[in-house]
Full PDB file with SEQRES, HELIX, SHEET, SSBOND, CRYST1, ORIGX, SCALE, CONECT and MASTER records, all heavy atoms in Angstrom:
SEQRES   1 A   39  GLU GLU THR THR THR GLY VAL HIS ARG LEU ARG SER MET          
SEQRES   2 A   39  ALA ASP ASP GLY ALA LEU LYS TYR PRO MET PHE ALA VAL          
SEQRES   3 A   39  ASN ASP THR PRO MET LYS THR LEU PHE ASP ASN VAL HIS          
HELIX    1 AA1 THR A    4  ASP A   15  1                                  12    
HELIX    2 AA2 VAL A   26  ASP A   28  5                                   3    
HELIX    3 AA3 PRO A   30  LYS A   32  1                                   3    
HELIX    4 AA4 THR A   33  ASN A   37  3                                   5    
CRYST1    1.000    1.000    1.000  90.00  90.00  90.00 P 1           1          
ORIGX1      1.000000  0.000000  0.000000        0.00000                         
ORIGX2      0.000000  1.000000  0.000000        0.00000                         
ORIGX3      0.000000  0.000000  1.000000        0.00000                         
SCALE1      1.000000  0.000000  0.000000        0.00000                         
SCALE2      0.000000  1.000000  0.000000        0.00000                         
SCALE3      0.000000  0.000000  1.000000        0.00000                         
ATOM      1  N   GLU A   1      88.393 104.473  99.043  1.00  0.00           N  
ATOM      2  CA  GLU A   1      88.347 103.242  99.937  1.00  0.00           C  
ATOM      3  C   GLU A   1      87.262 102.297  99.335  1.00  0.00           C  
ATOM      4  O   GLU A   1      86.158 102.641  99.100  1.00  0.00           O  
ATOM      5  CB  GLU A   1      87.970 103.611 101.324  1.00  0.00           C  
ATOM      6  CG  GLU A   1      87.701 102.461 102.276  1.00  0.00           C  
ATOM      7  CD  GLU A   1      88.776 101.396 102.285  1.00  0.00           C  
ATOM      8  OE1 GLU A   1      89.925 101.692 102.498  1.00  0.00           O  
ATOM      9  OE2 GLU A   1      88.409 100.227 102.076  1.00  0.00           O  
ATOM     10  N   GLU A   2      87.755 101.027  99.202  1.00  0.00           N  
ATOM     11  CA  GLU A   2      86.931 100.003  98.436  1.00  0.00           C  
ATOM     12  C   GLU A   2      85.930  99.336  99.315  1.00  0.00           C  
ATOM     13  O   GLU A   2      84.877  98.928  98.757  1.00  0.00           O  
ATOM     14  CB  GLU A   2      87.970  99.026  97.852  1.00  0.00           C  
ATOM     15  CG  GLU A   2      87.321  97.778  97.253  1.00  0.00           C  
ATOM     16  CD  GLU A   2      86.715  98.043  95.876  1.00  0.00           C  
ATOM     17  OE1 GLU A   2      86.887  99.165  95.376  1.00  0.00           O  
ATOM     18  OE2 GLU A   2      86.003  97.143  95.383  1.00  0.00           O  
ATOM     19  N   THR A   3      86.164  99.011 100.564  1.00  0.00           N  
ATOM     20  CA  THR A   3      85.331  98.059 101.308  1.00  0.00           C  
ATOM     21  C   THR A   3      84.692  98.589 102.515  1.00  0.00           C  
ATOM     22  O   THR A   3      85.060  99.680 103.060  1.00  0.00           O  
ATOM     23  CB  THR A   3      86.164  96.801 101.634  1.00  0.00           C  
ATOM     24  OG1 THR A   3      85.342  95.666 101.874  1.00  0.00           O  
ATOM     25  CG2 THR A   3      87.125  97.061 102.844  1.00  0.00           C  
ATOM     26  N   THR A   4      83.660  97.868 102.939  1.00  0.00           N  
ATOM     27  CA  THR A   4      82.825  98.318 104.154  1.00  0.00           C  
ATOM     28  C   THR A   4      83.649  98.598 105.377  1.00  0.00           C  
ATOM     29  O   THR A   4      83.549  99.591 106.036  1.00  0.00           O  
ATOM     30  CB  THR A   4      81.791  97.204 104.447  1.00  0.00           C  
ATOM     31  OG1 THR A   4      81.058  96.916 103.282  1.00  0.00           O  
ATOM     32  CG2 THR A   4      80.814  97.712 105.520  1.00  0.00           C  
ATOM     33  N   THR A   5      84.601  97.624 105.688  1.00  0.00           N  
ATOM     34  CA  THR A   5      85.376  97.828 106.859  1.00  0.00           C  
ATOM     35  C   THR A   5      86.211  99.023 106.822  1.00  0.00           C  
ATOM     36  O   THR A   5      86.360  99.756 107.830  1.00  0.00           O  
ATOM     37  CB  THR A   5      86.268  96.510 107.054  1.00  0.00           C  
ATOM     38  OG1 THR A   5      85.431  95.386 107.289  1.00  0.00           O  
ATOM     39  CG2 THR A   5      87.210  96.677 108.232  1.00  0.00           C  
ATOM     40  N   GLY A   6      86.833  99.285 105.649  1.00  0.00           N  
ATOM     41  CA  GLY A   6      87.619 100.506 105.500  1.00  0.00           C  
ATOM     42  C   GLY A   6      86.854 101.727 105.683  1.00  0.00           C  
ATOM     43  O   GLY A   6      87.307 102.713 106.304  1.00  0.00           O  
ATOM     44  N   VAL A   7      85.672 101.802 105.138  1.00  0.00           N  
ATOM     45  CA  VAL A   7      84.816 103.008 105.232  1.00  0.00           C  
ATOM     46  C   VAL A   7      84.404 103.227 106.710  1.00  0.00           C  
ATOM     47  O   VAL A   7      84.397 104.353 107.231  1.00  0.00           O  
ATOM     48  CB  VAL A   7      83.569 102.836 104.342  1.00  0.00           C  
ATOM     49  CG1 VAL A   7      82.577 104.056 104.689  1.00  0.00           C  
ATOM     50  CG2 VAL A   7      83.976 102.953 102.892  1.00  0.00           C  
ATOM     51  N   HIS A   8      84.153 102.136 107.419  1.00  0.00           N  
ATOM     52  CA  HIS A   8      83.836 102.264 108.888  1.00  0.00           C  
ATOM     53  C   HIS A   8      85.028 102.893 109.571  1.00  0.00           C  
ATOM     54  O   HIS A   8      84.832 103.773 110.447  1.00  0.00           O  
ATOM     55  CB  HIS A   8      83.490 100.907 109.436  1.00  0.00           C  
ATOM     56  CG  HIS A   8      82.122 100.369 109.137  1.00  0.00           C  
ATOM     57  ND1 HIS A   8      81.702  99.107 109.339  1.00  0.00           N  
ATOM     58  CD2 HIS A   8      81.047 101.029 108.545  1.00  0.00           C  
ATOM     59  CE1 HIS A   8      80.512  98.991 108.913  1.00  0.00           C  
ATOM     60  NE2 HIS A   8      80.079 100.077 108.428  1.00  0.00           N  
ATOM     61  N   ARG A   9      86.215 102.401 109.300  1.00  0.00           N  
ATOM     62  CA  ARG A   9      87.374 102.912 110.010  1.00  0.00           C  
ATOM     63  C   ARG A   9      87.600 104.380 109.631  1.00  0.00           C  
ATOM     64  O   ARG A   9      87.882 105.223 110.482  1.00  0.00           O  
ATOM     65  CB  ARG A   9      88.673 102.137 109.506  1.00  0.00           C  
ATOM     66  CG  ARG A   9      88.706 100.693 109.995  1.00  0.00           C  
ATOM     67  CD  ARG A   9      89.924  99.985 109.476  1.00  0.00           C  
ATOM     68  NE  ARG A   9      91.076 100.336 110.273  1.00  0.00           N  
ATOM     69  CZ  ARG A   9      92.303 100.035 109.987  1.00  0.00           C  
ATOM     70  NH1 ARG A   9      92.612  99.318 108.813  1.00  0.00           N  
ATOM     71  NH2 ARG A   9      93.360 100.340 110.728  1.00  0.00           N  
ATOM     72  N   LEU A  10      87.345 104.741 108.386  1.00  0.00           N  
ATOM     73  CA  LEU A  10      87.570 106.127 107.933  1.00  0.00           C  
ATOM     74  C   LEU A  10      86.545 107.064 108.644  1.00  0.00           C  
ATOM     75  O   LEU A  10      86.881 108.125 109.049  1.00  0.00           O  
ATOM     76  CB  LEU A  10      87.482 106.260 106.484  1.00  0.00           C  
ATOM     77  CG  LEU A  10      88.596 105.538 105.676  1.00  0.00           C  
ATOM     78  CD1 LEU A  10      88.393 105.733 104.135  1.00  0.00           C  
ATOM     79  CD2 LEU A  10      90.029 106.165 106.069  1.00  0.00           C  
ATOM     80  N   ARG A  11      85.281 106.610 108.765  1.00  0.00           N  
ATOM     81  CA  ARG A  11      84.279 107.435 109.391  1.00  0.00           C  
ATOM     82  C   ARG A  11      84.607 107.574 110.917  1.00  0.00           C  
ATOM     83  O   ARG A  11      84.370 108.705 111.464  1.00  0.00           O  
ATOM     84  CB  ARG A  11      82.898 106.804 109.205  1.00  0.00           C  
ATOM     85  CG  ARG A  11      82.409 106.865 107.749  1.00  0.00           C  
ATOM     86  CD  ARG A  11      80.894 106.570 107.671  1.00  0.00           C  
ATOM     87  NE  ARG A  11      80.526 106.359 106.264  1.00  0.00           N  
ATOM     88  CZ  ARG A  11      80.325 107.337 105.369  1.00  0.00           C  
ATOM     89  NH1 ARG A  11      80.566 108.601 105.683  1.00  0.00           N  
ATOM     90  NH2 ARG A  11      79.974 107.062 104.114  1.00  0.00           N  
ATOM     91  N   SER A  12      85.130 106.561 111.464  1.00  0.00           N  
ATOM     92  CA  SER A  12      85.618 106.716 112.903  1.00  0.00           C  
ATOM     93  C   SER A  12      86.768 107.645 112.988  1.00  0.00           C  
ATOM     94  O   SER A  12      86.757 108.534 113.896  1.00  0.00           O  
ATOM     95  CB  SER A  12      86.092 105.374 113.420  1.00  0.00           C  
ATOM     96  OG  SER A  12      84.975 104.432 113.509  1.00  0.00           O  
ATOM     97  N   MET A  13      87.674 107.679 112.052  1.00  0.00           N  
ATOM     98  CA  MET A  13      88.762 108.664 112.014  1.00  0.00           C  
ATOM     99  C   MET A  13      88.236 110.066 111.919  1.00  0.00           C  
ATOM    100  O   MET A  13      88.639 111.014 112.565  1.00  0.00           O  
ATOM    101  CB  MET A  13      89.718 108.344 110.920  1.00  0.00           C  
ATOM    102  CG  MET A  13      90.666 107.160 111.075  1.00  0.00           C  
ATOM    103  SD  MET A  13      91.682 106.900 109.651  1.00  0.00           S  
ATOM    104  CE  MET A  13      92.899 108.259 109.838  1.00  0.00           C  
ATOM    105  N   ALA A  14      87.251 110.219 110.952  1.00  0.00           N  
ATOM    106  CA  ALA A  14      86.659 111.513 110.693  1.00  0.00           C  
ATOM    107  C   ALA A  14      85.921 112.022 111.946  1.00  0.00           C  
ATOM    108  O   ALA A  14      86.008 113.189 112.320  1.00  0.00           O  
ATOM    109  CB  ALA A  14      85.716 111.444 109.496  1.00  0.00           C  
ATOM    110  N   ASP A  15      85.158 111.146 112.555  1.00  0.00           N  
ATOM    111  CA  ASP A  15      84.470 111.501 113.814  1.00  0.00           C  
ATOM    112  C   ASP A  15      85.415 111.953 114.871  1.00  0.00           C  
ATOM    113  O   ASP A  15      85.046 112.889 115.708  1.00  0.00           O  
ATOM    114  CB  ASP A  15      83.608 110.334 114.356  1.00  0.00           C  
ATOM    115  CG  ASP A  15      82.408 110.045 113.406  1.00  0.00           C  
ATOM    116  OD1 ASP A  15      82.087 110.899 112.563  1.00  0.00           O  
ATOM    117  OD2 ASP A  15      81.847 108.937 113.570  1.00  0.00           O  
ATOM    118  N   ASP A  16      86.608 111.374 114.918  1.00  0.00           N  
ATOM    119  CA  ASP A  16      87.574 111.797 115.975  1.00  0.00           C  
ATOM    120  C   ASP A  16      88.431 112.930 115.498  1.00  0.00           C  
ATOM    121  O   ASP A  16      89.394 113.402 116.274  1.00  0.00           O  
ATOM    122  CB  ASP A  16      88.577 110.609 116.232  1.00  0.00           C  
ATOM    123  CG  ASP A  16      87.809 109.468 117.006  1.00  0.00           C  
ATOM    124  OD1 ASP A  16      86.703 109.709 117.575  1.00  0.00           O  
ATOM    125  OD2 ASP A  16      88.313 108.333 117.031  1.00  0.00           O  
ATOM    126  N   GLY A  17      88.188 113.513 114.301  1.00  0.00           N  
ATOM    127  CA  GLY A  17      88.941 114.603 113.788  1.00  0.00           C  
ATOM    128  C   GLY A  17      90.368 114.183 113.348  1.00  0.00           C  
ATOM    129  O   GLY A  17      91.273 115.024 113.230  1.00  0.00           O  
ATOM    130  N   ALA A  18      90.533 112.832 113.107  1.00  0.00           N  
ATOM    131  CA  ALA A  18      91.875 112.350 112.772  1.00  0.00           C  
ATOM    132  C   ALA A  18      92.145 112.173 111.321  1.00  0.00           C  
ATOM    133  O   ALA A  18      93.272 111.963 110.888  1.00  0.00           O  
ATOM    134  CB  ALA A  18      92.061 111.018 113.528  1.00  0.00           C  
ATOM    135  N   LEU A  19      91.079 112.200 110.493  1.00  0.00           N  
ATOM    136  CA  LEU A  19      91.283 112.029 109.078  1.00  0.00           C  
ATOM    137  C   LEU A  19      91.619 113.337 108.382  1.00  0.00           C  
ATOM    138  O   LEU A  19      90.788 114.277 108.442  1.00  0.00           O  
ATOM    139  CB  LEU A  19      90.016 111.420 108.461  1.00  0.00           C  
ATOM    140  CG  LEU A  19      90.062 111.150 106.954  1.00  0.00           C  
ATOM    141  CD1 LEU A  19      91.168 110.076 106.612  1.00  0.00           C  
ATOM    142  CD2 LEU A  19      88.702 110.577 106.470  1.00  0.00           C  
ATOM    143  N   LYS A  20      92.803 113.459 107.828  1.00  0.00           N  
ATOM    144  CA  LYS A  20      93.328 114.749 107.414  1.00  0.00           C  
ATOM    145  C   LYS A  20      93.342 114.998 105.893  1.00  0.00           C  
ATOM    146  O   LYS A  20      93.836 116.066 105.447  1.00  0.00           O  
ATOM    147  CB  LYS A  20      94.771 114.914 107.983  1.00  0.00           C  
ATOM    148  CG  LYS A  20      94.907 114.815 109.512  1.00  0.00           C  
ATOM    149  CD  LYS A  20      94.024 115.873 110.194  1.00  0.00           C  
ATOM    150  CE  LYS A  20      94.214 115.827 111.713  1.00  0.00           C  
ATOM    151  NZ  LYS A  20      93.387 116.756 112.430  1.00  0.00           N  
ATOM    152  N   TYR A  21      92.832 114.046 105.208  1.00  0.00           N  
ATOM    153  CA  TYR A  21      92.686 114.288 103.707  1.00  0.00           C  
ATOM    154  C   TYR A  21      91.410 113.666 103.183  1.00  0.00           C  
ATOM    155  O   TYR A  21      90.891 112.789 103.873  1.00  0.00           O  
ATOM    156  CB  TYR A  21      93.978 113.905 102.919  1.00  0.00           C  
ATOM    157  CG  TYR A  21      94.306 112.448 102.782  1.00  0.00           C  
ATOM    158  CD1 TYR A  21      93.833 111.651 101.719  1.00  0.00           C  
ATOM    159  CD2 TYR A  21      95.145 111.827 103.660  1.00  0.00           C  
ATOM    160  CE1 TYR A  21      94.232 110.342 101.606  1.00  0.00           C  
ATOM    161  CE2 TYR A  21      95.550 110.496 103.559  1.00  0.00           C  
ATOM    162  CZ  TYR A  21      95.075 109.777 102.537  1.00  0.00           C  
ATOM    163  OH  TYR A  21      95.413 108.482 102.373  1.00  0.00           O  
ATOM    164  N   PRO A  22      90.949 114.061 102.024  1.00  0.00           N  
ATOM    165  CA  PRO A  22      89.618 113.591 101.571  1.00  0.00           C  
ATOM    166  C   PRO A  22      89.641 112.192 101.131  1.00  0.00           C  
ATOM    167  O   PRO A  22      90.617 111.775 100.428  1.00  0.00           O  
ATOM    168  CB  PRO A  22      89.240 114.607 100.455  1.00  0.00           C  
ATOM    169  CG  PRO A  22      90.565 115.211 100.053  1.00  0.00           C  
ATOM    170  CD  PRO A  22      91.415 115.196 101.228  1.00  0.00           C  
ATOM    171  N   MET A  23      88.604 111.398 101.423  1.00  0.00           N  
ATOM    172  CA  MET A  23      88.537 110.009 100.940  1.00  0.00           C  
ATOM    173  C   MET A  23      87.094 109.803 100.333  1.00  0.00           C  
ATOM    174  O   MET A  23      86.120 110.147 100.986  1.00  0.00           O  
ATOM    175  CB  MET A  23      88.742 109.066 102.107  1.00  0.00           C  
ATOM    176  CG  MET A  23      90.125 109.065 102.712  1.00  0.00           C  
ATOM    177  SD  MET A  23      91.344 108.281 101.579  1.00  0.00           S  
ATOM    178  CE  MET A  23      90.667 106.692 101.268  1.00  0.00           C  
ATOM    179  N   PHE A  24      87.037 109.196  99.160  1.00  0.00           N  
ATOM    180  CA  PHE A  24      85.840 108.727  98.611  1.00  0.00           C  
ATOM    181  C   PHE A  24      85.371 107.392  99.186  1.00  0.00           C  
ATOM    182  O   PHE A  24      86.208 106.472  99.211  1.00  0.00           O  
ATOM    183  CB  PHE A  24      85.904 108.587  97.141  1.00  0.00           C  
ATOM    184  CG  PHE A  24      85.767 109.938  96.390  1.00  0.00           C  
ATOM    185  CD1 PHE A  24      86.661 110.315  95.315  1.00  0.00           C  
ATOM    186  CD2 PHE A  24      84.761 110.841  96.641  1.00  0.00           C  
ATOM    187  CE1 PHE A  24      86.573 111.456  94.655  1.00  0.00           C  
ATOM    188  CE2 PHE A  24      84.580 112.034  96.005  1.00  0.00           C  
ATOM    189  CZ  PHE A  24      85.494 112.336  94.979  1.00  0.00           C  
ATOM    190  N   ALA A  25      84.167 107.310  99.722  1.00  0.00           N  
ATOM    191  CA  ALA A  25      83.640 106.031 100.186  1.00  0.00           C  
ATOM    192  C   ALA A  25      83.115 105.203  99.015  1.00  0.00           C  
ATOM    193  O   ALA A  25      81.865 105.144  98.778  1.00  0.00           O  
ATOM    194  CB  ALA A  25      82.570 106.289 101.226  1.00  0.00           C  
ATOM    195  N   VAL A  26      84.002 104.691  98.190  1.00  0.00           N  
ATOM    196  CA  VAL A  26      83.577 103.910  97.073  1.00  0.00           C  
ATOM    197  C   VAL A  26      82.642 102.798  97.396  1.00  0.00           C  
ATOM    198  O   VAL A  26      81.715 102.480  96.661  1.00  0.00           O  
ATOM    199  CB  VAL A  26      84.847 103.362  96.278  1.00  0.00           C  
ATOM    200  CG1 VAL A  26      84.435 102.391  95.151  1.00  0.00           C  
ATOM    201  CG2 VAL A  26      85.617 104.560  95.718  1.00  0.00           C  
ATOM    202  N   ASN A  27      82.905 102.137  98.540  1.00  0.00           N  
ATOM    203  CA  ASN A  27      82.068 101.072  98.996  1.00  0.00           C  
ATOM    204  C   ASN A  27      80.573 101.399  99.019  1.00  0.00           C  
ATOM    205  O   ASN A  27      79.741 100.542  98.860  1.00  0.00           O  
ATOM    206  CB  ASN A  27      82.525 100.567 100.400  1.00  0.00           C  
ATOM    207  CG  ASN A  27      81.658  99.472 100.922  1.00  0.00           C  
ATOM    208  OD1 ASN A  27      81.760  98.311 100.546  1.00  0.00           O  
ATOM    209  ND2 ASN A  27      80.655  99.845 101.832  1.00  0.00           N  
ATOM    210  N   ASP A  28      80.292 102.661  99.417  1.00  0.00           N  
ATOM    211  CA  ASP A  28      78.916 103.041  99.670  1.00  0.00           C  
ATOM    212  C   ASP A  28      78.129 103.451  98.420  1.00  0.00           C  
ATOM    213  O   ASP A  28      76.933 103.785  98.554  1.00  0.00           O  
ATOM    214  CB  ASP A  28      78.918 104.215 100.734  1.00  0.00           C  
ATOM    215  CG  ASP A  28      79.415 103.683 102.063  1.00  0.00           C  
ATOM    216  OD1 ASP A  28      79.772 102.479 102.227  1.00  0.00           O  
ATOM    217  OD2 ASP A  28      79.535 104.561 102.983  1.00  0.00           O  
ATOM    218  N   THR A  29      78.738 103.550  97.297  1.00  0.00           N  
ATOM    219  CA  THR A  29      78.051 104.046  96.205  1.00  0.00           C  
ATOM    220  C   THR A  29      77.269 102.918  95.532  1.00  0.00           C  
ATOM    221  O   THR A  29      77.619 101.757  95.573  1.00  0.00           O  
ATOM    222  CB  THR A  29      79.048 104.709  95.164  1.00  0.00           C  
ATOM    223  OG1 THR A  29      78.394 105.642  94.249  1.00  0.00           O  
ATOM    224  CG2 THR A  29      79.738 103.629  94.332  1.00  0.00           C  
ATOM    225  N   PRO A  30      76.102 103.268  94.909  1.00  0.00           N  
ATOM    226  CA  PRO A  30      75.192 102.130  94.467  1.00  0.00           C  
ATOM    227  C   PRO A  30      75.844 101.149  93.526  1.00  0.00           C  
ATOM    228  O   PRO A  30      75.637  99.913  93.599  1.00  0.00           O  
ATOM    229  CB  PRO A  30      74.099 102.884  93.722  1.00  0.00           C  
ATOM    230  CG  PRO A  30      73.983 104.251  94.452  1.00  0.00           C  
ATOM    231  CD  PRO A  30      75.450 104.561  94.836  1.00  0.00           C  
ATOM    232  N   MET A  31      76.745 101.619  92.573  1.00  0.00           N  
ATOM    233  CA  MET A  31      77.275 100.692  91.622  1.00  0.00           C  
ATOM    234  C   MET A  31      78.332  99.706  92.267  1.00  0.00           C  
ATOM    235  O   MET A  31      78.685  98.709  91.713  1.00  0.00           O  
ATOM    236  CB  MET A  31      78.008 101.494  90.521  1.00  0.00           C  
ATOM    237  CG  MET A  31      77.037 101.927  89.437  1.00  0.00           C  
ATOM    238  SD  MET A  31      76.193 100.692  88.533  1.00  0.00           S  
ATOM    239  CE  MET A  31      77.478 100.005  87.513  1.00  0.00           C  
ATOM    240  N   LYS A  32      78.708 100.018  93.460  1.00  0.00           N  
ATOM    241  CA  LYS A  32      79.484  99.066  94.294  1.00  0.00           C  
ATOM    242  C   LYS A  32      78.668  98.291  95.167  1.00  0.00           C  
ATOM    243  O   LYS A  32      78.612  96.994  95.136  1.00  0.00           O  
ATOM    244  CB  LYS A  32      80.620  99.852  95.065  1.00  0.00           C  
ATOM    245  CG  LYS A  32      81.773  98.959  95.400  1.00  0.00           C  
ATOM    246  CD  LYS A  32      81.618  98.248  96.644  1.00  0.00           C  
ATOM    247  CE  LYS A  32      82.906  97.486  97.068  1.00  0.00           C  
ATOM    248  NZ  LYS A  32      82.712  96.622  98.230  1.00  0.00           N  
ATOM    249  N   THR A  33      77.888  98.943  96.065  1.00  0.00           N  
ATOM    250  CA  THR A  33      77.149  98.282  97.110  1.00  0.00           C  
ATOM    251  C   THR A  33      76.116  97.262  96.580  1.00  0.00           C  
ATOM    252  O   THR A  33      76.053  96.085  97.074  1.00  0.00           O  
ATOM    253  CB  THR A  33      76.420  99.351  97.983  1.00  0.00           C  
ATOM    254  OG1 THR A  33      77.406 100.119  98.611  1.00  0.00           O  
ATOM    255  CG2 THR A  33      75.525  98.627  99.010  1.00  0.00           C  
ATOM    256  N   LEU A  34      75.351  97.681  95.606  1.00  0.00           N  
ATOM    257  CA  LEU A  34      74.253  96.831  95.102  1.00  0.00           C  
ATOM    258  C   LEU A  34      74.736  95.650  94.309  1.00  0.00           C  
ATOM    259  O   LEU A  34      73.911  94.706  94.030  1.00  0.00           O  
ATOM    260  CB  LEU A  34      73.254  97.709  94.288  1.00  0.00           C  
ATOM    261  CG  LEU A  34      72.573  98.821  95.040  1.00  0.00           C  
ATOM    262  CD1 LEU A  34      71.713  99.669  94.074  1.00  0.00           C  
ATOM    263  CD2 LEU A  34      71.804  98.352  96.181  1.00  0.00           C  
ATOM    264  N   PHE A  35      75.957  95.685  93.832  1.00  0.00           N  
ATOM    265  CA  PHE A  35      76.456  94.575  92.968  1.00  0.00           C  
ATOM    266  C   PHE A  35      77.580  93.849  93.630  1.00  0.00           C  
ATOM    267  O   PHE A  35      77.552  92.571  93.741  1.00  0.00           O  
ATOM    268  CB  PHE A  35      76.779  95.139  91.605  1.00  0.00           C  
ATOM    269  CG  PHE A  35      75.623  95.824  91.009  1.00  0.00           C  
ATOM    270  CD1 PHE A  35      75.460  97.238  91.060  1.00  0.00           C  
ATOM    271  CD2 PHE A  35      74.576  95.122  90.295  1.00  0.00           C  
ATOM    272  CE1 PHE A  35      74.374  97.858  90.474  1.00  0.00           C  
ATOM    273  CE2 PHE A  35      73.568  95.807  89.766  1.00  0.00           C  
ATOM    274  CZ  PHE A  35      73.429  97.115  89.845  1.00  0.00           C  
ATOM    275  N   ASP A  36      78.631  94.533  93.910  1.00  0.00           N  
ATOM    276  CA  ASP A  36      79.820  93.926  94.494  1.00  0.00           C  
ATOM    277  C   ASP A  36      79.529  93.257  95.794  1.00  0.00           C  
ATOM    278  O   ASP A  36      79.755  92.058  96.009  1.00  0.00           O  
ATOM    279  CB  ASP A  36      80.892  95.042  94.664  1.00  0.00           C  
ATOM    280  CG  ASP A  36      82.266  94.542  95.162  1.00  0.00           C  
ATOM    281  OD1 ASP A  36      82.278  93.688  96.050  1.00  0.00           O  
ATOM    282  OD2 ASP A  36      83.296  94.945  94.681  1.00  0.00           O  
ATOM    283  N   ASN A  37      78.881  94.005  96.717  1.00  0.00           N  
ATOM    284  CA  ASN A  37      78.614  93.457  98.076  1.00  0.00           C  
ATOM    285  C   ASN A  37      77.625  92.325  98.062  1.00  0.00           C  
ATOM    286  O   ASN A  37      77.756  91.354  98.686  1.00  0.00           O  
ATOM    287  CB  ASN A  37      78.207  94.572  98.984  1.00  0.00           C  
ATOM    288  CG  ASN A  37      79.361  95.560  99.334  1.00  0.00           C  
ATOM    289  OD1 ASN A  37      80.446  95.395  98.791  1.00  0.00           O  
ATOM    290  ND2 ASN A  37      79.044  96.540 100.154  1.00  0.00           N  
ATOM    291  N   VAL A  38      76.502  92.598  97.263  1.00  0.00           N  
ATOM    292  CA  VAL A  38      75.465  91.566  97.304  1.00  0.00           C  
ATOM    293  C   VAL A  38      75.823  90.364  96.434  1.00  0.00           C  
ATOM    294  O   VAL A  38      75.904  89.280  96.864  1.00  0.00           O  
ATOM    295  CB  VAL A  38      74.076  92.196  96.785  1.00  0.00           C  
ATOM    296  CG1 VAL A  38      72.992  91.185  96.693  1.00  0.00           C  
ATOM    297  CG2 VAL A  38      73.740  93.322  97.736  1.00  0.00           C  
ATOM    298  N   HIS A  39      75.940  90.655  95.090  1.00  0.00           N  
ATOM    299  CA  HIS A  39      76.207  89.511  94.199  1.00  0.00           C  
ATOM    300  C   HIS A  39      77.648  89.052  94.240  1.00  0.00           C  
ATOM    301  O   HIS A  39      77.837  87.834  94.085  1.00  0.00           O  
ATOM    302  CB  HIS A  39      75.783  89.954  92.758  1.00  0.00           C  
ATOM    303  CG  HIS A  39      74.345  90.289  92.644  1.00  0.00           C  
ATOM    304  ND1 HIS A  39      73.414  89.283  92.517  1.00  0.00           N  
ATOM    305  CD2 HIS A  39      73.681  91.492  92.613  1.00  0.00           C  
ATOM    306  CE1 HIS A  39      72.212  89.870  92.432  1.00  0.00           C  
ATOM    307  NE2 HIS A  39      72.345  91.220  92.482  1.00  0.00           N  
TER     308      HIS A  39                                                      
MASTER        0    0    0    4    0    0    0    6  307    1    0    3          
END                                                                             
């Protein structure tokens, strides 16, 4: 998952027990967050 909004949705799904396969939160990793989101 590429973006902040998507990661929020996925975490909500996981909290509800609704996310049934693994997802990488690409948005939250430093090489994405510190550059893509900011700059």
